[in-house]
C-alpha atoms as a PDB file:
ATOM      1  CA  MET A   1       0.684   2.466  -9.544  1.00  0.00           C
ATOM      2  CA  PRO A   2       0.732   5.813 -11.311  1.00  0.00           C
ATOM      3  CA  SER A   3      -1.761   5.891 -14.150  1.00  0.00           C
ATOM      4  CA  GLY A   4      -0.395   5.904 -17.696  1.00  0.00           C
ATOM      5  CA  THR A   5       2.564   3.944 -19.016  1.00  0.00           C
ATOM      6  CA  TYR A   6       4.128   1.637 -16.423  1.00  0.00           C
ATOM      7  CA  HIS A   7       7.907   2.036 -16.294  1.00  0.00           C
ATOM      8  CA  CYS A   8       9.077   0.538 -13.001  1.00  0.00           C
ATOM      9  CA  ALA A   9       8.290   0.405  -9.311  1.00  0.00           C
ATOM     10  CA  ALA A  10       9.930   3.773  -8.684  1.00  0.00           C
ATOM     11  CA  ARG A  11       6.704   5.530  -7.622  1.00  0.00           C
ATOM     12  CA  ASN A  12       3.776   3.673  -6.112  1.00  0.00           C
ATOM     13  CA  VAL A  13       1.493   3.179  -3.149  1.00  0.00           C
ATOM     14  CA  VAL A  14       1.733  -0.319  -1.670  1.00  0.00           C
ATOM     15  CA  LEU A  15      -1.586  -1.346  -0.167  1.00  0.00           C
ATOM     16  CA  SER A  16      -0.265  -4.554   1.412  1.00  0.00           C
ATOM     17  CA  ASP A  17       2.939  -6.541   0.950  1.00  0.00           C
ATOM     18  CA  TYR A  18       3.401  -9.822   2.816  1.00  0.00           C
ATOM     19  CA  THR A  19       4.471 -13.428   2.600  1.00  0.00           C
ATOM     20  CA  LEU A  20       1.679 -15.955   3.066  1.00  0.00           C
ATOM     21  CA  GLY A  21       1.908 -17.607   6.483  1.00  0.00           C
ATOM     22  CA  THR A  22       3.732 -14.719   8.136  1.00  0.00           C
ATOM     23  CA  ASN A  23       2.116 -12.294  10.559  1.00  0.00           C
ATOM     24  CA  GLN A  24       3.256  -8.904   9.276  1.00  0.00           C
ATOM     25  CA  ALA A  25       1.803  -6.879   6.382  1.00  0.00           C
ATOM     26  CA  ALA A  26       3.761  -3.841   5.173  1.00  0.00           C
ATOM     27  CA  MET A  27       2.295  -0.728   3.591  1.00  0.00           C
ATOM     28  CA  ALA A  28       4.422   1.809   1.747  1.00  0.00           C
ATOM     29  CA  LEU A  29       4.640   4.892  -0.382  1.00  0.00           C
ATOM     30  CA  ARG A  30       7.565   4.754  -2.780  1.00  0.00           C
ATOM     31  CA  ASN A  31       8.746   7.939  -4.359  1.00  0.00           C
ATOM     32  CA  LEU A  32      11.611   9.147  -6.524  1.00  0.00           C
ATOM     33  CA  PRO A  33      14.533   8.892  -6.006  1.00  0.00           C
ATOM     34  CA  ARG A  34      14.353   5.585  -4.138  1.00  0.00           C
ATOM     35  CA  VAL A  35      12.584   7.017  -1.106  1.00  0.00           C
ATOM     36  CA  ASN A  36      10.365   4.672   0.890  1.00  0.00           C
ATOM     37  CA  TYR A  37       7.758   5.675   3.515  1.00  0.00           C
ATOM     38  CA  THR A  38       6.599   2.551   5.378  1.00  0.00           C
ATOM     39  CA  THR A  39       4.633   1.053   8.216  1.00  0.00           C
ATOM     40  CA  SER A  40       3.534  -2.466   9.068  1.00  0.00           C
ATOM     41  CA  LYS A  41       0.652  -4.166  10.829  1.00  0.00           C
ATOM     42  CA  ALA A  42       0.618  -7.493  12.666  1.00  0.00           C
ATOM     43  CA  LEU A  43      -2.116  -9.643  11.120  1.00  0.00           C
ATOM     44  CA  ALA A  44      -3.103 -13.275  10.806  1.00  0.00           C
ATOM     45  CA  LEU A  45      -2.013 -13.976   7.222  1.00  0.00           C
ATOM     46  CA  THR A  46      -2.751 -17.654   6.830  1.00  0.00           C
ATOM     47  CA  ASP A  47      -4.303 -19.195   3.727  1.00  0.00           C
ATOM     48  CA  ASN A  48      -7.895 -18.669   4.890  1.00  0.00           C
ATOM     49  CA  GLU A  49      -7.672 -15.258   6.556  1.00  0.00           C
ATOM     50  CA  PHE A  50      -9.417 -12.324   4.899  1.00  0.00           C
ATOM     51  CA  HIS A  51      -8.568  -8.667   5.505  1.00  0.00           C
ATOM     52  CA  THR A  52      -9.852  -5.448   4.024  1.00  0.00           C
ATOM     53  CA  TYR A  53      -7.234  -2.955   2.838  1.00  0.00           C
ATOM     54  CA  ALA A  54      -7.834   0.609   1.699  1.00  0.00           C
ATOM     55  CA  VAL A  55      -5.819   3.667   0.783  1.00  0.00           C
ATOM     56  CA  GLU A  56      -7.019   7.256   0.643  1.00  0.00           C
ATOM     57  CA  VAL A  57      -5.067   9.621  -1.635  1.00  0.00           C
ATOM     58  CA  THR A  58      -5.838  13.355  -1.399  1.00  0.00           C
ATOM     59  CA  PRO A  59      -3.871  16.511  -2.216  1.00  0.00           C
ATOM     60  CA  ASP A  60      -2.792  16.925   1.444  1.00  0.00           C
ATOM     61  CA  HIS A  61      -2.431  13.353   2.760  1.00  0.00           C
ATOM     62  CA  ILE A  62      -2.319   9.641   1.997  1.00  0.00           C
ATOM     63  CA  SER A  63      -3.838   7.264   4.572  1.00  0.00           C
ATOM     64  CA  TRP A  64      -3.731   3.454   4.814  1.00  0.00           C
ATOM     65  CA  PHE A  65      -6.491   1.374   6.409  1.00  0.00           C
ATOM     66  CA  VAL A  66      -6.615  -2.272   7.480  1.00  0.00           C
ATOM     67  CA  ASP A  67      -9.966  -3.779   8.426  1.00  0.00           C
ATOM     68  CA  THR A  68     -11.531  -0.256   8.459  1.00  0.00           C
ATOM     69  CA  ARG A  69      -8.953   1.216  10.893  1.00  0.00           C
ATOM     70  CA  VAL A  70      -6.471   3.867   9.812  1.00  0.00           C
ATOM     71  CA  ILE A  71      -2.914   2.706  10.539  1.00  0.00           C
ATOM     72  CA  MET A  72      -0.818   5.414   8.851  1.00  0.00           C
ATOM     73  CA  THR A  73      -1.370   8.920   7.534  1.00  0.00           C
ATOM     74  CA  GLU A  74       1.419  10.603   5.592  1.00  0.00           C
ATOM     75  CA  ARG A  75       1.265  14.401   5.226  1.00  0.00           C
ATOM     76  CA  ARG A  76       4.886  15.320   4.439  1.00  0.00           C
ATOM     77  CA  SER A  77       5.024  17.174   1.120  1.00  0.00           C
ATOM     78  CA  SER A  78       8.102  15.159   0.113  1.00  0.00           C
ATOM     79  CA  ALA A  79       5.934  12.011   0.196  1.00  0.00           C
ATOM     80  CA  ARG A  80       3.069  13.340  -1.881  1.00  0.00           C
ATOM     81  CA  THR A  81       3.802  13.733  -5.588  1.00  0.00           C
ATOM     82  CA  GLY A  82       0.396  14.688  -6.941  1.00  0.00           C
ATOM     83  CA  ALA A  83       0.503  11.600  -9.184  1.00  0.00           C
ATOM     84  CA  LYS A  84      -2.786  10.028 -10.231  1.00  0.00           C
ATOM     85  CA  TYR A  85      -2.818   6.328  -9.372  1.00  0.00           C
ATOM     86  CA  THR A  86      -4.410   3.216 -10.805  1.00  0.00           C
ATOM     87  CA  VAL A  87      -4.827  -0.208  -9.190  1.00  0.00           C
ATOM     88  CA  ARG A  88      -2.438  -3.063  -9.936  1.00  0.00           C
ATOM     89  CA  PHE A  89      -2.291  -6.441  -8.181  1.00  0.00           C
ATOM     90  CA  ARG A  90       0.606  -8.861  -8.428  1.00  0.00           C
ATOM     91  CA  LEU A  91       2.017 -12.052  -7.003  1.00  0.00           C
ATOM     92  CA  ALA A  92       5.805 -11.982  -6.939  1.00  0.00           C
ATOM     93  CA  GLY A  93       8.161 -14.933  -6.814  1.00  0.00           C
ATOM     94  CA  SER A  94      11.855 -15.183  -6.085  1.00  0.00           C
ATOM     95  CA  SER A  95      14.138 -16.091  -8.967  1.00  0.00           C
ATOM     96  CA  GLY A  96      15.670 -19.562  -8.683  1.00  0.00           C
ATOM     97  CA  THR A  97      13.594 -20.490  -5.637  1.00  0.00           C
ATOM     98  CA  LYS A  98      10.861 -23.109  -5.357  1.00  0.00           C
ATOM     99  CA  MET A  99       7.764 -21.224  -4.304  1.00  0.00           C
ATOM    100  CA  ASN A 100       4.981 -22.397  -2.034  1.00  0.00           C
ATOM    101  CA  LYS A 101       1.445 -22.301  -3.335  1.00  0.00           C
ATOM    102  CA  GLY A 102      -0.212 -18.940  -2.985  1.00  0.00           C
ATOM    103  CA  ARG A 103      -3.242 -17.114  -4.219  1.00  0.00           C
ATOM    104  CA  MET A 104      -4.712 -13.670  -4.420  1.00  0.00           C
ATOM    105  CA  GLN A 105      -8.397 -12.947  -4.130  1.00  0.00           C
ATOM    106  CA  MET A 106     -10.204  -9.634  -4.474  1.00  0.00           C
ATOM    107  CA  ASP A 107     -13.886  -9.376  -3.725  1.00  0.00           C
ATOM    108  CA  TRP A 108     -14.121  -5.944  -5.266  1.00  0.00           C
ATOM    109  CA  VAL A 109     -12.216  -2.767  -5.926  1.00  0.00           C
ATOM    110  CA  ARG A 110     -14.018   0.521  -5.745  1.00  0.00           C
ATOM    111  CA  TYR A 111     -13.303   4.217  -6.022  1.00  0.00           C
ATOM    112  CA  TYR A 112     -15.055   6.530  -3.558  1.00  0.00           C
ATOM    113  CA  THR A 113     -15.364  10.274  -3.676  1.00  0.00           C
ATOM    114  CA  LEU A 114     -13.858  12.068  -0.682  1.00  0.00           C
ATOM    115  CA  ASP A 115     -16.970  14.216  -0.343  1.00  0.00           C
ATOM    116  CA  ARG A 116     -18.749  12.165   2.329  1.00  0.00           C
ATOM    117  CA  PRO A 117     -20.725  13.520   5.270  1.00  0.00           C
ATOM    118  CA  ASN A 118     -19.790  10.837   7.821  1.00  0.00           C
ATOM    119  CA  ALA A 119     -16.034  10.794   7.284  1.00  0.00           C
ATOM    120  CA  LYS A 120     -14.039   9.700  10.331  1.00  0.00           C
ATOM    121  CA  SER A 121     -10.702  11.041  11.520  1.00  0.00           C
ATOM    122  CA  ILE A 122      -7.604   9.804   9.706  1.00  0.00           C
ATOM    123  CA  GLU A 123      -5.220  10.759  12.502  1.00  0.00           C
ATOM    124  CA  ALA A 124      -2.514   8.088  12.612  1.00  0.00           C
ATOM    125  CA  PRO A 125       1.274   7.804  12.919  1.00  0.00           C
ATOM    126  CA  GLN A 126       3.299   8.955   9.937  1.00  0.00           C
ATOM    127  CA  ALA A 127       5.470   6.554   7.979  1.00  0.00           C
ATOM    128  CA  ALA A 128       9.046   5.537   8.735  1.00  0.00           C
ATOM    129  CA  LEU A 129      11.358   7.100   6.165  1.00  0.00           C
ATOM    130  CA  GLY A 130      13.813   4.815   4.365  1.00  0.00           C
ATOM    131  CA  THR A 131      15.067   3.796   0.929  1.00  0.00           C
ATOM    132  CA  TYR A 132      13.784   1.370  -1.705  1.00  0.00           C
ATOM    133  CA  ALA A 133      16.639  -0.351  -3.513  1.00  0.00           C
ATOM    134  CA  GLN A 134      14.505  -2.034  -6.211  1.00  0.00           C
ATOM    135  CA  ALA A 135      13.575   1.270  -7.875  1.00  0.00           C
ATOM    136  CA  CYS A 136      15.016   1.843 -11.312  1.00  0.00           C
END
């Protein structure tokens, strides 16, 4: 989420969005006005599966990683806003629907500097461009 006052989900980086028990995790960059850059990754997402997610935000690209492998790198200037982001985790339910049990577990969250001597390539497919209807 952008740092500062939270207004709505109009601009954010989605690290992982999935329904427990499915096999597809989606990653996204949401930007104003209602623009959505997305990709997805097939994963085992059962109750006892653990995956490592990461996102790298720089002035010239944003890259998403799952289990240490880059899966998407977005370089289009229309996708990058220059916003400073902060971490936010959430579990979301559906209004009027009985929800199955779910949980969220984070071992740790850490910020790394991009000045690292052993950095690996972040070459990966760019995102699919679409819209995000839930933006305000």
